[in-house]
Amino acid sequence: MENKLFAVGSRKTATARIWLSPGKGEITINHRKPLDYLGRPDLVDIVLSPFKTTNTVGQFDLACQVAGGGISAQARAIALGVARALVGMDSNLRKTLKSAELLKRDPREKERMKYGLAKRRKRFQWTKR
């Protein structure tokens, strides 16, 4: 049986399920190539950033299922999942990934809409008469 490692990454409302296995560096996101799915080269760079940081480009095959959020949040969710999976493969990579802040889950979420307000925090203009 193949040595596959499973990890989960998330950002805002995007969730990425990652399967990492030793291989030739093939990457699929929702059964598509990264550039076809994400549509922008800078987002593909974000996905590849854990591999570049640890000098493991082309050593692992990556398959992931992503749902929720926008494509930018999905790319960051994949990057977090890949970083966690790499630490699972080799615990010596943890220090490198942690210093590059790739193991942090970005906690910023959209604030909820409150009743009686125009926006999240903006109030309606007060009129005297």
Protein backbone atom coordinates (compact mmCIF):
# COMPACT_ATOMS: atom_id res chain seq x y z
CA MET A 1 0.00 0.00 0.00
CA GLU A 2 1.11 3.53 -0.80
CA ASN A 3 2.29 5.87 1.95
CA LYS A 4 -0.45 8.54 1.70
CA LEU A 5 -0.88 11.18 4.35
CA PHE A 6 -4.13 13.07 4.95
CA ALA A 7 -4.38 16.63 6.29
CA VAL A 8 -6.97 19.40 6.43
CA GLY A 9 -6.45 23.12 5.89
CA SER A 10 -8.95 25.95 6.18
CA ARG A 11 -9.22 29.70 5.62
CA LYS A 12 -12.40 31.79 6.06
CA THR A 13 -15.13 29.39 4.88
CA ALA A 14 -12.86 27.39 2.53
CA THR A 15 -11.86 23.86 3.55
CA ALA A 16 -9.20 21.80 1.80
CA ARG A 17 -8.71 18.05 2.25
CA ILE A 18 -5.16 17.08 1.29
CA TRP A 19 -3.69 13.71 0.31
CA LEU A 20 0.10 13.81 0.07
CA SER A 21 2.18 10.89 -1.15
CA PRO A 22 5.78 10.45 -2.38
CA GLY A 23 5.87 10.83 -6.16
CA LYS A 24 6.90 12.94 -9.14
CA GLY A 25 5.26 16.23 -8.13
CA GLU A 26 1.84 15.82 -9.76
CA ILE A 27 -0.75 18.22 -8.35
CA THR A 28 -4.53 17.99 -8.76
CA ILE A 29 -7.12 20.28 -7.23
CA ASN A 30 -10.67 18.95 -7.53
CA HIS A 31 -9.47 16.60 -10.33
CA ARG A 32 -8.04 19.54 -12.33
CA LYS A 33 -4.61 21.05 -12.85
CA PRO A 34 -3.79 23.92 -10.43
CA LEU A 35 -3.70 26.71 -13.04
CA ASP A 36 -6.95 25.46 -14.64
CA TYR A 37 -8.72 25.44 -11.28
CA LEU A 38 -7.29 28.57 -9.63
CA GLY A 39 -6.93 30.61 -12.82
CA ARG A 40 -4.03 32.80 -11.59
CA PRO A 41 -0.31 31.99 -11.37
CA ASP A 42 0.11 33.87 -8.07
CA LEU A 43 -2.43 31.57 -6.41
CA VAL A 44 -0.56 28.53 -7.75
CA ASP A 45 2.59 30.00 -6.14
CA ILE A 46 0.73 30.21 -2.81
CA VAL A 47 -0.21 26.52 -3.12
CA LEU A 48 3.41 25.60 -3.91
CA SER A 49 4.94 27.81 -1.18
CA PRO A 50 5.26 25.00 1.45
CA PHE A 51 7.15 22.86 -1.10
CA LYS A 52 9.43 25.76 -2.10
CA THR A 53 10.14 26.67 1.53
CA THR A 54 11.19 23.11 2.40
CA ASN A 55 12.97 22.40 -0.94
CA THR A 56 10.68 19.44 -1.67
CA VAL A 57 9.35 20.58 -5.07
CA GLY A 58 8.72 17.54 -7.27
CA GLN A 59 9.11 14.98 -4.46
CA PHE A 60 5.44 14.57 -3.52
CA ASP A 61 2.18 14.02 -5.38
CA LEU A 62 -0.65 16.22 -4.13
CA ALA A 63 -4.35 15.53 -4.51
CA CYS A 64 -6.86 17.82 -2.83
CA GLN A 65 -10.57 18.45 -2.61
CA VAL A 66 -11.53 22.06 -1.87
CA ALA A 67 -14.93 23.53 -1.07
CA GLY A 68 -16.33 26.84 0.15
CA GLY A 69 -15.01 30.38 0.07
CA GLY A 70 -13.36 32.07 -2.89
CA ILE A 71 -10.36 30.91 -4.90
CA SER A 72 -7.90 32.98 -2.86
CA ALA A 73 -9.11 31.50 0.43
CA GLN A 74 -9.06 28.05 -1.17
CA ALA A 75 -5.43 28.50 -2.25
CA ARG A 76 -4.43 29.50 1.29
CA ALA A 77 -6.40 26.57 2.74
CA ILE A 78 -4.53 24.19 0.42
CA ALA A 79 -1.19 25.72 1.46
CA LEU A 80 -2.00 25.19 5.15
CA GLY A 81 -3.07 21.60 4.51
CA VAL A 82 0.10 20.89 2.50
CA ALA A 83 2.26 22.36 5.27
CA ARG A 84 0.53 20.16 7.87
CA ALA A 85 0.91 17.09 5.64
CA LEU A 86 4.63 17.81 5.11
CA VAL A 87 5.12 17.98 8.88
CA GLY A 88 3.32 14.63 9.11
CA MET A 89 5.72 13.17 6.54
CA ASP A 90 8.88 14.61 8.14
CA SER A 91 8.77 16.32 11.54
CA ASN A 92 12.15 18.00 10.87
CA LEU A 93 10.39 20.34 8.40
CA ARG A 94 8.24 21.83 11.19
CA LYS A 95 10.77 24.49 12.21
CA THR A 96 11.22 25.70 8.62
CA LEU A 97 7.48 25.86 7.94
CA LYS A 98 6.74 27.50 11.28
CA SER A 99 9.35 30.23 10.76
CA ALA A 100 7.81 30.94 7.32
CA GLU A 101 4.39 31.18 9.07
CA LEU A 102 2.89 28.48 6.87
CA LEU A 103 1.49 26.49 9.81
CA LYS A 104 -0.68 29.39 11.05
CA ARG A 105 -4.41 29.28 10.41
CA ASP A 106 -5.43 32.82 9.51
CA PRO A 107 -8.33 33.51 11.93
CA ARG A 108 -9.85 36.49 10.10
CA GLU A 109 -13.46 35.89 9.08
CA LYS A 110 -16.21 38.13 7.77
CA GLU A 111 -18.05 39.85 10.61
CA ARG A 112 -21.74 39.12 10.90
CA MET A 113 -24.41 41.64 9.97
CA LYS A 114 -26.13 43.18 13.00
CA TYR A 115 -29.75 44.28 13.07
CA GLY A 116 -30.43 48.02 13.33
CA LEU A 117 -27.19 48.90 11.51
CA ALA A 118 -26.50 49.88 7.91
CA LYS A 119 -23.48 47.55 7.59
CA ARG A 120 -21.39 45.45 9.99
CA ARG A 121 -20.52 48.43 12.21
CA LYS A 122 -21.81 51.47 10.32
CA ARG A 123 -24.86 53.10 11.84
CA PHE A 124 -27.64 54.98 10.08
CA GLN A 125 -27.26 58.76 10.10
CA TRP A 126 -28.88 60.38 13.13
CA THR A 127 -31.37 63.15 12.32
CA LYS A 128 -32.55 65.65 14.90
CA ARG A 129 -35.88 66.50 13.18
